[in-house]
């Protein structure tokens, strides 16, 4: 349990959760248009 103010919480999760999710989606969206050759080279990164 961590006690934190509501406004501070929302600013914090924007940095560590919400914006990273949108950023990951933006990167993943590029894969929807990627060639089969590119996807065949996909690794852990």
ModelCIF file with pLDDT and N, C-alpha, C, O atoms, coordinates in Angstrom:
data_MODEL
#
_entry.id   MODEL 
#
_entity.id                         1 
_entity.type                       polymer 
_entity.pdbx_number_of_molecules   1 
#
_entity_poly.entity_id                      1 
_entity_poly.type                           'polypeptide(L)' 
_entity_poly.nstd_linkage                   no 
_entity_poly.nstd_monomer                   no 
_entity_poly.pdbx_seq_one_letter_code       
;(UNK)(UNK)(UNK)(UNK)(UNK)(UNK)(UNK)(UNK)(UNK)(UNK)(UNK)(UNK)(UNK)(UNK)(UNK)(UNK)
(UNK)(UNK)(UNK)(UNK)(UNK)(UNK)(UNK)(UNK)(UNK)(UNK)(UNK)(UNK)(UNK)(UNK)(UNK)(UNK)
(UNK)(UNK)(UNK)(UNK)(UNK)(UNK)(UNK)(UNK)(UNK)(UNK)(UNK)(UNK)(UNK)
;
_entity_poly.pdbx_seq_one_letter_code_can   XXXXXXXXXXXXXXXXXXXXXXXXXXXXXXXXXXXXXXXXXXXXX 
_entity_poly.pdbx_strand_id                 A 
#
loop_
_entity_poly_seq.entity_id 
_entity_poly_seq.num 
_entity_poly_seq.mon_id 
_entity_poly_seq.hetero 
1 1  UNK n 
1 2  UNK n 
1 3  UNK n 
1 4  UNK n 
1 5  UNK n 
1 6  UNK n 
1 7  UNK n 
1 8  UNK n 
1 9  UNK n 
1 10 UNK n 
1 11 UNK n 
1 12 UNK n 
1 13 UNK n 
1 14 UNK n 
1 15 UNK n 
1 16 UNK n 
1 17 UNK n 
1 18 UNK n 
1 19 UNK n 
1 20 UNK n 
1 21 UNK n 
1 22 UNK n 
1 23 UNK n 
1 24 UNK n 
1 25 UNK n 
1 26 UNK n 
1 27 UNK n 
1 28 UNK n 
1 29 UNK n 
1 30 UNK n 
1 31 UNK n 
1 32 UNK n 
1 33 UNK n 
1 34 UNK n 
1 35 UNK n 
1 36 UNK n 
1 37 UNK n 
1 38 UNK n 
1 39 UNK n 
1 40 UNK n 
1 41 UNK n 
1 42 UNK n 
1 43 UNK n 
1 44 UNK n 
1 45 UNK n 
#
_struct_asym.id          A 
_struct_asym.entity_id   1 
#
loop_
_ma_qa_metric.id 
_ma_qa_metric.mode 
_ma_qa_metric.name 
_ma_qa_metric.software_group_id 
_ma_qa_metric.type 
1 global pLDDT . pLDDT 
2 local  pLDDT . pLDDT 
#
_ma_qa_metric_global.metric_id      1 
_ma_qa_metric_global.metric_value   92.49 
_ma_qa_metric_global.model_id       1 
_ma_qa_metric_global.ordinal_id     1 
#
loop_
_ma_qa_metric_local.label_asym_id 
_ma_qa_metric_local.label_comp_id 
_ma_qa_metric_local.label_seq_id 
_ma_qa_metric_local.metric_id 
_ma_qa_metric_local.metric_value 
_ma_qa_metric_local.model_id 
_ma_qa_metric_local.ordinal_id 
A UNK 1  2 95.00 1 1  
A UNK 2  2 95.00 1 2  
A UNK 3  2 96.00 1 3  
A UNK 4  2 96.00 1 4  
A UNK 5  2 96.00 1 5  
A UNK 6  2 95.00 1 6  
A UNK 7  2 96.00 1 7  
A UNK 8  2 96.00 1 8  
A UNK 9  2 96.00 1 9  
A UNK 10 2 96.00 1 10 
A UNK 11 2 96.00 1 11 
A UNK 12 2 95.00 1 12 
A UNK 13 2 94.00 1 13 
A UNK 14 2 96.00 1 14 
A UNK 15 2 96.00 1 15 
A UNK 16 2 92.00 1 16 
A UNK 17 2 92.00 1 17 
A UNK 18 2 95.00 1 18 
A UNK 19 2 96.00 1 19 
A UNK 20 2 95.00 1 20 
A UNK 21 2 95.00 1 21 
A UNK 22 2 96.00 1 22 
A UNK 23 2 96.00 1 23 
A UNK 24 2 95.00 1 24 
A UNK 25 2 96.00 1 25 
A UNK 26 2 95.00 1 26 
A UNK 27 2 94.00 1 27 
A UNK 28 2 94.00 1 28 
A UNK 29 2 95.00 1 29 
A UNK 30 2 93.00 1 30 
A UNK 31 2 93.00 1 31 
A UNK 32 2 92.00 1 32 
A UNK 33 2 90.00 1 33 
A UNK 34 2 92.00 1 34 
A UNK 35 2 92.00 1 35 
A UNK 36 2 90.00 1 36 
A UNK 37 2 90.00 1 37 
A UNK 38 2 89.00 1 38 
A UNK 39 2 87.00 1 39 
A UNK 40 2 85.00 1 40 
A UNK 41 2 83.00 1 41 
A UNK 42 2 84.00 1 42 
A UNK 43 2 80.00 1 43 
A UNK 44 2 78.00 1 44 
A UNK 45 2 84.00 1 45 
#
loop_
_atom_site.group_PDB 
_atom_site.id 
_atom_site.type_symbol 
_atom_site.label_atom_id 
_atom_site.label_alt_id 
_atom_site.label_comp_id 
_atom_site.label_asym_id 
_atom_site.label_entity_id 
_atom_site.label_seq_id 
_atom_site.pdbx_PDB_ins_code 
_atom_site.Cartn_x 
_atom_site.Cartn_y 
_atom_site.Cartn_z 
_atom_site.occupancy 
_atom_site.B_iso_or_equiv 
_atom_site.pdbx_formal_charge 
_atom_site.auth_seq_id 
_atom_site.auth_comp_id 
_atom_site.auth_asym_id 
_atom_site.auth_atom_id 
_atom_site.pdbx_PDB_model_num 
ATOM 1   N N  . UNK A 1 1  ? 0.823  -1.204  0.000   1.00 95.00 ? 1  UNK A N  1 
ATOM 2   C CA . UNK A 1 1  ? 0.000  0.000   0.000   1.00 95.00 ? 1  UNK A CA 1 
ATOM 3   C C  . UNK A 1 1  ? 0.861  1.260   0.000   1.00 95.00 ? 1  UNK A C  1 
ATOM 4   O O  . UNK A 1 1  ? 1.810  1.378   0.775   1.00 95.00 ? 1  UNK A O  1 
ATOM 5   N N  . UNK A 1 2  ? 0.516  2.198   -0.880  1.00 95.00 ? 2  UNK A N  1 
ATOM 6   C CA . UNK A 1 2  ? 1.215  3.476   -0.971  1.00 95.00 ? 2  UNK A CA 1 
ATOM 7   C C  . UNK A 1 2  ? 0.176  4.585   -0.947  1.00 95.00 ? 2  UNK A C  1 
ATOM 8   O O  . UNK A 1 2  ? -0.719 4.619   -1.792  1.00 95.00 ? 2  UNK A O  1 
ATOM 9   N N  . UNK A 1 3  ? 0.290  5.480   0.003   1.00 96.00 ? 3  UNK A N  1 
ATOM 10  C CA . UNK A 1 3  ? -0.657 6.599   0.103   1.00 96.00 ? 3  UNK A CA 1 
ATOM 11  C C  . UNK A 1 3  ? -0.164 7.762   -0.745  1.00 96.00 ? 3  UNK A C  1 
ATOM 12  O O  . UNK A 1 3  ? 0.995  8.167   -0.647  1.00 96.00 ? 3  UNK A O  1 
ATOM 13  N N  . UNK A 1 4  ? -1.049 8.294   -1.576  1.00 96.00 ? 4  UNK A N  1 
ATOM 14  C CA . UNK A 1 4  ? -0.667 9.346   -2.514  1.00 96.00 ? 4  UNK A CA 1 
ATOM 15  C C  . UNK A 1 4  ? -1.905 10.164  -2.864  1.00 96.00 ? 4  UNK A C  1 
ATOM 16  O O  . UNK A 1 4  ? -3.007 9.618   -2.916  1.00 96.00 ? 4  UNK A O  1 
ATOM 17  N N  . UNK A 1 5  ? -1.744 11.460  -3.104  1.00 96.00 ? 5  UNK A N  1 
ATOM 18  C CA . UNK A 1 5  ? -2.869 12.306  -3.487  1.00 96.00 ? 5  UNK A CA 1 
ATOM 19  C C  . UNK A 1 5  ? -3.385 11.946  -4.866  1.00 96.00 ? 5  UNK A C  1 
ATOM 20  O O  . UNK A 1 5  ? -2.635 11.459  -5.712  1.00 96.00 ? 5  UNK A O  1 
ATOM 21  N N  . UNK A 1 6  ? -4.662 12.185  -5.089  1.00 95.00 ? 6  UNK A N  1 
ATOM 22  C CA . UNK A 1 6  ? -5.290 11.787  -6.354  1.00 95.00 ? 6  UNK A CA 1 
ATOM 23  C C  . UNK A 1 6  ? -4.643 12.475  -7.556  1.00 95.00 ? 6  UNK A C  1 
ATOM 24  O O  . UNK A 1 6  ? -4.342 11.817  -8.551  1.00 95.00 ? 6  UNK A O  1 
ATOM 25  N N  . UNK A 1 7  ? -4.428 13.780  -7.480  1.00 96.00 ? 7  UNK A N  1 
ATOM 26  C CA . UNK A 1 7  ? -3.838 14.503  -8.609  1.00 96.00 ? 7  UNK A CA 1 
ATOM 27  C C  . UNK A 1 7  ? -2.405 14.035  -8.868  1.00 96.00 ? 7  UNK A C  1 
ATOM 28  O O  . UNK A 1 7  ? -2.001 13.858  -10.017 1.00 96.00 ? 7  UNK A O  1 
ATOM 29  N N  . UNK A 1 8  ? -1.641 13.837  -7.790  1.00 96.00 ? 8  UNK A N  1 
ATOM 30  C CA . UNK A 1 8  ? -0.263 13.369  -7.944  1.00 96.00 ? 8  UNK A CA 1 
ATOM 31  C C  . UNK A 1 8  ? -0.252 11.965  -8.542  1.00 96.00 ? 8  UNK A C  1 
ATOM 32  O O  . UNK A 1 8  ? 0.595  11.645  -9.377  1.00 96.00 ? 8  UNK A O  1 
ATOM 33  N N  . UNK A 1 9  ? -1.191 11.136  -8.114  1.00 96.00 ? 9  UNK A N  1 
ATOM 34  C CA . UNK A 1 9  ? -1.296 9.789   -8.672  1.00 96.00 ? 9  UNK A CA 1 
ATOM 35  C C  . UNK A 1 9  ? -1.512 9.831   -10.178 1.00 96.00 ? 9  UNK A C  1 
ATOM 36  O O  . UNK A 1 9  ? -0.849 9.113   -10.926 1.00 96.00 ? 9  UNK A O  1 
ATOM 37  N N  . UNK A 1 10 ? -2.440 10.674  -10.622 1.00 96.00 ? 10 UNK A N  1 
ATOM 38  C CA . UNK A 1 10 ? -2.759 10.719  -12.047 1.00 96.00 ? 10 UNK A CA 1 
ATOM 39  C C  . UNK A 1 10 ? -1.586 11.222  -12.877 1.00 96.00 ? 10 UNK A C  1 
ATOM 40  O O  . UNK A 1 10 ? -1.362 10.747  -13.991 1.00 96.00 ? 10 UNK A O  1 
ATOM 41  N N  . UNK A 1 11 ? -0.835 12.185  -12.338 1.00 96.00 ? 11 UNK A N  1 
ATOM 42  C CA . UNK A 1 11 ? 0.360  12.653  -13.054 1.00 96.00 ? 11 UNK A CA 1 
ATOM 43  C C  . UNK A 1 11 ? 1.411  11.543  -13.099 1.00 96.00 ? 11 UNK A C  1 
ATOM 44  O O  . UNK A 1 11 ? 2.109  11.375  -14.099 1.00 96.00 ? 11 UNK A O  1 
ATOM 45  N N  . UNK A 1 12 ? 1.514  10.788  -12.004 1.00 95.00 ? 12 UNK A N  1 
ATOM 46  C CA . UNK A 1 12 ? 2.515  9.725   -11.936 1.00 95.00 ? 12 UNK A CA 1 
ATOM 47  C C  . UNK A 1 12 ? 2.208  8.600   -12.922 1.00 95.00 ? 12 UNK A C  1 
ATOM 48  O O  . UNK A 1 12 ? 3.095  8.158   -13.652 1.00 95.00 ? 12 UNK A O  1 
ATOM 49  N N  . UNK A 1 13 ? 0.954  8.136   -12.948 1.00 94.00 ? 13 UNK A N  1 
ATOM 50  C CA . UNK A 1 13 ? 0.638  7.012   -13.844 1.00 94.00 ? 13 UNK A CA 1 
ATOM 51  C C  . UNK A 1 13 ? 0.653  7.444   -15.305 1.00 94.00 ? 13 UNK A C  1 
ATOM 52  O O  . UNK A 1 13 ? 0.812  6.607   -16.193 1.00 94.00 ? 13 UNK A O  1 
ATOM 53  N N  . UNK A 1 14 ? 0.490  8.744   -15.567 1.00 96.00 ? 14 UNK A N  1 
ATOM 54  C CA . UNK A 1 14 ? 0.647  9.220   -16.942 1.00 96.00 ? 14 UNK A CA 1 
ATOM 55  C C  . UNK A 1 14 ? 2.060  8.941   -17.439 1.00 96.00 ? 14 UNK A C  1 
ATOM 56  O O  . UNK A 1 14 ? 2.257  8.597   -18.604 1.00 96.00 ? 14 UNK A O  1 
ATOM 57  N N  . UNK A 1 15 ? 3.052  9.090   -16.543 1.00 96.00 ? 15 UNK A N  1 
ATOM 58  C CA . UNK A 1 15 ? 4.458  8.886   -16.909 1.00 96.00 ? 15 UNK A CA 1 
ATOM 59  C C  . UNK A 1 15 ? 4.817  7.408   -16.970 1.00 96.00 ? 15 UNK A C  1 
ATOM 60  O O  . UNK A 1 15 ? 5.501  6.971   -17.896 1.00 96.00 ? 15 UNK A O  1 
ATOM 61  N N  . UNK A 1 16 ? 4.354  6.629   -15.978 1.00 92.00 ? 16 UNK A N  1 
ATOM 62  C CA . UNK A 1 16 ? 4.848  5.248   -15.858 1.00 92.00 ? 16 UNK A CA 1 
ATOM 63  C C  . UNK A 1 16 ? 3.917  4.207   -16.469 1.00 92.00 ? 16 UNK A C  1 
ATOM 64  O O  . UNK A 1 16 ? 4.295  3.041   -16.579 1.00 92.00 ? 16 UNK A O  1 
ATOM 65  N N  . UNK A 1 17 ? 2.706  4.601   -16.871 1.00 92.00 ? 17 UNK A N  1 
ATOM 66  C CA . UNK A 1 17 ? 1.767  3.609   -17.386 1.00 92.00 ? 17 UNK A CA 1 
ATOM 67  C C  . UNK A 1 17 ? 1.022  4.066   -18.637 1.00 92.00 ? 17 UNK A C  1 
ATOM 68  O O  . UNK A 1 17 ? 1.077  3.400   -19.670 1.00 92.00 ? 17 UNK A O  1 
ATOM 69  N N  . UNK A 1 18 ? 0.322  5.207   -18.548 1.00 95.00 ? 18 UNK A N  1 
ATOM 70  C CA . UNK A 1 18 ? -0.589 5.583   -19.620 1.00 95.00 ? 18 UNK A CA 1 
ATOM 71  C C  . UNK A 1 18 ? 0.129  6.031   -20.899 1.00 95.00 ? 18 UNK A C  1 
ATOM 72  O O  . UNK A 1 18 ? -0.167 5.537   -21.987 1.00 95.00 ? 18 UNK A O  1 
ATOM 73  N N  . UNK A 1 19 ? 1.067  6.962   -20.762 1.00 96.00 ? 19 UNK A N  1 
ATOM 74  C CA . UNK A 1 19 ? 1.816  7.390   -21.953 1.00 96.00 ? 19 UNK A CA 1 
ATOM 75  C C  . UNK A 1 19 ? 2.664  6.259   -22.533 1.00 96.00 ? 19 UNK A C  1 
ATOM 76  O O  . UNK A 1 19 ? 2.729  6.133   -23.756 1.00 96.00 ? 19 UNK A O  1 
ATOM 77  N N  . UNK A 1 20 ? 3.318  5.430   -21.713 1.00 95.00 ? 20 UNK A N  1 
ATOM 78  C CA . UNK A 1 20 ? 4.034  4.282   -22.293 1.00 95.00 ? 20 UNK A CA 1 
ATOM 79  C C  . UNK A 1 20 ? 3.125  3.356   -23.094 1.00 95.00 ? 20 UNK A C  1 
ATOM 80  O O  . UNK A 1 20 ? 3.556  2.781   -24.093 1.00 95.00 ? 20 UNK A O  1 
ATOM 81  N N  . UNK A 1 21 ? 1.866  3.206   -22.663 1.00 95.00 ? 21 UNK A N  1 
ATOM 82  C CA . UNK A 1 21 ? 0.952  2.344   -23.412 1.00 95.00 ? 21 UNK A CA 1 
ATOM 83  C C  . UNK A 1 21 ? 0.676  2.927   -24.797 1.00 95.00 ? 21 UNK A C  1 
ATOM 84  O O  . UNK A 1 21 ? 0.689  2.201   -25.791 1.00 95.00 ? 21 UNK A O  1 
ATOM 85  N N  . UNK A 1 22 ? 0.429  4.227   -24.861 1.00 96.00 ? 22 UNK A N  1 
ATOM 86  C CA . UNK A 1 22 ? 0.173  4.868   -26.156 1.00 96.00 ? 22 UNK A CA 1 
ATOM 87  C C  . UNK A 1 22 ? 1.425  4.789   -27.026 1.00 96.00 ? 22 UNK A C  1 
ATOM 88  O O  . UNK A 1 22 ? 1.331  4.528   -28.226 1.00 96.00 ? 22 UNK A O  1 
ATOM 89  N N  . UNK A 1 23 ? 2.579  5.010   -26.438 1.00 96.00 ? 23 UNK A N  1 
ATOM 90  C CA . UNK A 1 23 ? 3.834  4.950   -27.187 1.00 96.00 ? 23 UNK A CA 1 
ATOM 91  C C  . UNK A 1 23 ? 4.069  3.542   -27.740 1.00 96.00 ? 23 UNK A C  1 
ATOM 92  O O  . UNK A 1 23 ? 4.470  3.382   -28.892 1.00 96.00 ? 23 UNK A O  1 
ATOM 93  N N  . UNK A 1 24 ? 3.817  2.524   -26.913 1.00 95.00 ? 24 UNK A N  1 
ATOM 94  C CA . UNK A 1 24 ? 3.955  1.145   -27.382 1.00 95.00 ? 24 UNK A CA 1 
ATOM 95  C C  . UNK A 1 24 ? 2.984  0.864   -28.521 1.00 95.00 ? 24 UNK A C  1 
ATOM 96  O O  . UNK A 1 24 ? 3.321  0.160   -29.473 1.00 95.00 ? 24 UNK A O  1 
ATOM 97  N N  . UNK A 1 25 ? 1.786  1.410   -28.421 1.00 96.00 ? 25 UNK A N  1 
ATOM 98  C CA . UNK A 1 25 ? 0.794  1.210   -29.482 1.00 96.00 ? 25 UNK A CA 1 
ATOM 99  C C  . UNK A 1 25 ? 1.246  1.873   -30.779 1.00 96.00 ? 25 UNK A C  1 
ATOM 100 O O  . UNK A 1 25 ? 1.034  1.332   -31.864 1.00 96.00 ? 25 UNK A O  1 
ATOM 101 N N  . UNK A 1 26 ? 1.871  3.046   -30.664 1.00 95.00 ? 26 UNK A N  1 
ATOM 102 C CA . UNK A 1 26 ? 2.351  3.735   -31.860 1.00 95.00 ? 26 UNK A CA 1 
ATOM 103 C C  . UNK A 1 26 ? 3.439  2.921   -32.561 1.00 95.00 ? 26 UNK A C  1 
ATOM 104 O O  . UNK A 1 26 ? 3.480  2.857   -33.789 1.00 95.00 ? 26 UNK A O  1 
ATOM 105 N N  . UNK A 1 27 ? 4.314  2.305   -31.777 1.00 94.00 ? 27 UNK A N  1 
ATOM 106 C CA . UNK A 1 27 ? 5.352  1.456   -32.369 1.00 94.00 ? 27 UNK A CA 1 
ATOM 107 C C  . UNK A 1 27 ? 4.717  0.207   -32.981 1.00 94.00 ? 27 UNK A C  1 
ATOM 108 O O  . UNK A 1 27 ? 5.051  -0.183  -34.100 1.00 94.00 ? 27 UNK A O  1 
ATOM 109 N N  . UNK A 1 28 ? 3.797  -0.416  -32.238 1.00 94.00 ? 28 UNK A N  1 
ATOM 110 C CA . UNK A 1 28 ? 3.151  -1.632  -32.735 1.00 94.00 ? 28 UNK A CA 1 
ATOM 111 C C  . UNK A 1 28 ? 2.328  -1.373  -33.988 1.00 94.00 ? 28 UNK A C  1 
ATOM 112 O O  . UNK A 1 28 ? 2.200  -2.248  -34.845 1.00 94.00 ? 28 UNK A O  1 
ATOM 113 N N  . UNK A 1 29 ? 1.765  -0.163  -34.097 1.00 95.00 ? 29 UNK A N  1 
ATOM 114 C CA . UNK A 1 29 ? 0.969  0.174   -35.278 1.00 95.00 ? 29 UNK A CA 1 
ATOM 115 C C  . UNK A 1 29 ? 1.804  0.126   -36.550 1.00 95.00 ? 29 UNK A C  1 
ATOM 116 O O  . UNK A 1 29 ? 1.284  -0.167  -37.627 1.00 95.00 ? 29 UNK A O  1 
ATOM 117 N N  . UNK A 1 30 ? 3.098  0.413   -36.429 1.00 93.00 ? 30 UNK A N  1 
ATOM 118 C CA . UNK A 1 30 ? 3.986  0.317   -37.593 1.00 93.00 ? 30 UNK A CA 1 
ATOM 119 C C  . UNK A 1 30 ? 4.078  -1.129  -38.090 1.00 93.00 ? 30 UNK A C  1 
ATOM 120 O O  . UNK A 1 30 ? 4.282  -1.372  -39.279 1.00 93.00 ? 30 UNK A O  1 
ATOM 121 N N  . UNK A 1 31 ? 3.927  -2.082  -37.169 1.00 93.00 ? 31 UNK A N  1 
ATOM 122 C CA . UNK A 1 31 ? 4.035  -3.489  -37.546 1.00 93.00 ? 31 UNK A CA 1 
ATOM 123 C C  . UNK A 1 31 ? 2.847  -3.936  -38.393 1.00 93.00 ? 31 UNK A C  1 
ATOM 124 O O  . UNK A 1 31 ? 2.957  -4.883  -39.172 1.00 93.00 ? 31 UNK A O  1 
ATOM 125 N N  . UNK A 1 32 ? 1.708  -3.254  -38.239 1.00 92.00 ? 32 UNK A N  1 
ATOM 126 C CA . UNK A 1 32 ? 0.530  -3.621  -39.030 1.00 92.00 ? 32 UNK A CA 1 
ATOM 127 C C  . UNK A 1 32 ? 0.773  -3.404  -40.518 1.00 92.00 ? 32 UNK A C  1 
ATOM 128 O O  . UNK A 1 32 ? 0.122  -4.030  -41.355 1.00 92.00 ? 32 UNK A O  1 
ATOM 129 N N  . UNK A 1 33 ? 1.712  -2.514  -40.848 1.00 90.00 ? 33 UNK A N  1 
ATOM 130 C CA . UNK A 1 33 ? 2.017  -2.212  -42.246 1.00 90.00 ? 33 UNK A CA 1 
ATOM 131 C C  . UNK A 1 33 ? 3.361  -2.794  -42.685 1.00 90.00 ? 33 UNK A C  1 
ATOM 132 O O  . UNK A 1 33 ? 3.793  -2.589  -43.819 1.00 90.00 ? 33 UNK A O  1 
ATOM 133 N N  . UNK A 1 34 ? 4.029  -3.531  -41.766 1.00 92.00 ? 34 UNK A N  1 
ATOM 134 C CA . UNK A 1 34 ? 5.367  -4.036  -42.073 1.00 92.00 ? 34 UNK A CA 1 
ATOM 135 C C  . UNK A 1 34 ? 5.293  -5.222  -43.033 1.00 92.00 ? 34 UNK A C  1 
ATOM 136 O O  . UNK A 1 34 ? 4.287  -5.927  -43.095 1.00 92.00 ? 34 UNK A O  1 
ATOM 137 N N  . UNK A 1 35 ? 6.355  -5.422  -43.764 1.00 92.00 ? 35 UNK A N  1 
ATOM 138 C CA . UNK A 1 35 ? 6.422  -6.538  -44.707 1.00 92.00 ? 35 UNK A CA 1 
ATOM 139 C C  . UNK A 1 35 ? 6.630  -7.849  -43.962 1.00 92.00 ? 35 UNK A C  1 
ATOM 140 O O  . UNK A 1 35 ? 7.039  -7.866  -42.801 1.00 92.00 ? 35 UNK A O  1 
ATOM 141 N N  . UNK A 1 36 ? 6.340  -8.938  -44.651 1.00 90.00 ? 36 UNK A N  1 
ATOM 142 C CA . UNK A 1 36 ? 6.562  -10.260 -44.070 1.00 90.00 ? 36 UNK A CA 1 
ATOM 143 C C  . UNK A 1 36 ? 8.044  -10.463 -43.762 1.00 90.00 ? 36 UNK A C  1 
ATOM 144 O O  . UNK A 1 36 ? 8.396  -11.119 -42.782 1.00 90.00 ? 36 UNK A O  1 
ATOM 145 N N  . UNK A 1 37 ? 8.909  -9.896  -44.606 1.00 90.00 ? 37 UNK A N  1 
ATOM 146 C CA . UNK A 1 37 ? 10.348 -10.019 -44.372 1.00 90.00 ? 37 UNK A CA 1 
ATOM 147 C C  . UNK A 1 37 ? 10.749 -9.329  -43.071 1.00 90.00 ? 37 UNK A C  1 
ATOM 148 O O  . UNK A 1 37 ? 11.553 -9.857  -42.302 1.00 90.00 ? 37 UNK A O  1 
ATOM 149 N N  . UNK A 1 38 ? 10.185 -8.149  -42.834 1.00 89.00 ? 38 UNK A N  1 
ATOM 150 C CA . UNK A 1 38 ? 10.499 -7.425  -41.599 1.00 89.00 ? 38 UNK A CA 1 
ATOM 151 C C  . UNK A 1 38 ? 10.030 -8.202  -40.378 1.00 89.00 ? 38 UNK A C  1 
ATOM 152 O O  . UNK A 1 38 ? 10.762 -8.331  -39.397 1.00 89.00 ? 38 UNK A O  1 
ATOM 153 N N  . UNK A 1 39 ? 8.797  -8.723  -40.442 1.00 87.00 ? 39 UNK A N  1 
ATOM 154 C CA . UNK A 1 39 ? 8.252  -9.455  -39.303 1.00 87.00 ? 39 UNK A CA 1 
ATOM 155 C C  . UNK A 1 39 ? 9.037  -10.725 -39.036 1.00 87.00 ? 39 UNK A C  1 
ATOM 156 O O  . UNK A 1 39 ? 9.141  -11.171 -37.893 1.00 87.00 ? 39 UNK A O  1 
ATOM 157 N N  . UNK A 1 40 ? 9.591  -11.312 -40.098 1.00 85.00 ? 40 UNK A N  1 
ATOM 158 C CA . UNK A 1 40 ? 10.398 -12.509 -39.922 1.00 85.00 ? 40 UNK A CA 1 
ATOM 159 C C  . UNK A 1 40 ? 11.688 -12.248 -39.174 1.00 85.00 ? 40 UNK A C  1 
ATOM 160 O O  . UNK A 1 40 ? 12.319 -13.178 -38.672 1.00 85.00 ? 40 UNK A O  1 
ATOM 161 N N  . UNK A 1 41 ? 12.086 -10.979 -39.097 1.00 83.00 ? 41 UNK A N  1 
ATOM 162 C CA . UNK A 1 41 ? 13.305 -10.607 -38.377 1.00 83.00 ? 41 UNK A CA 1 
ATOM 163 C C  . UNK A 1 41 ? 13.023 -10.117 -36.964 1.00 83.00 ? 41 UNK A C  1 
ATOM 164 O O  . UNK A 1 41 ? 13.943 -9.726  -36.246 1.00 83.00 ? 41 UNK A O  1 
ATOM 165 N N  . UNK A 1 42 ? 11.746 -10.136 -36.560 1.00 84.00 ? 42 UNK A N  1 
ATOM 166 C CA . UNK A 1 42 ? 11.372 -9.612  -35.243 1.00 84.00 ? 42 UNK A CA 1 
ATOM 167 C C  . UNK A 1 42 ? 12.036 -10.420 -34.141 1.00 84.00 ? 42 UNK A C  1 
ATOM 168 O O  . UNK A 1 42 ? 12.020 -11.651 -34.156 1.00 84.00 ? 42 UNK A O  1 
ATOM 169 N N  . UNK A 1 43 ? 12.615 -9.715  -33.195 1.00 80.00 ? 43 UNK A N  1 
ATOM 170 C CA . UNK A 1 43 ? 13.288 -10.358 -32.072 1.00 80.00 ? 43 UNK A CA 1 
ATOM 171 C C  . UNK A 1 43 ? 12.713 -9.901  -30.744 1.00 80.00 ? 43 UNK A C  1 
ATOM 172 O O  . UNK A 1 43 ? 11.641 -9.296  -30.711 1.00 80.00 ? 43 UNK A O  1 
ATOM 173 N N  . UNK A 1 44 ? 13.406 -10.181 -29.648 1.00 78.00 ? 44 UNK A N  1 
ATOM 174 C CA . UNK A 1 44 ? 12.890 -9.843  -28.323 1.00 78.00 ? 44 UNK A CA 1 
ATOM 175 C C  . UNK A 1 44 ? 12.744 -8.348  -28.090 1.00 78.00 ? 44 UNK A C  1 
ATOM 176 O O  . UNK A 1 44 ? 11.901 -7.928  -27.297 1.00 78.00 ? 44 UNK A O  1 
ATOM 177 N N  . UNK A 1 45 ? 13.552 -7.537  -28.766 1.00 84.00 ? 45 UNK A N  1 
ATOM 178 C CA . UNK A 1 45 ? 13.464 -6.094  -28.556 1.00 84.00 ? 45 UNK A CA 1 
ATOM 179 C C  . UNK A 1 45 ? 12.102 -5.540  -28.910 1.00 84.00 ? 45 UNK A C  1 
ATOM 180 O O  . UNK A 1 45 ? 11.874 -4.337  -28.785 1.00 84.00 ? 45 UNK A O  1 
#
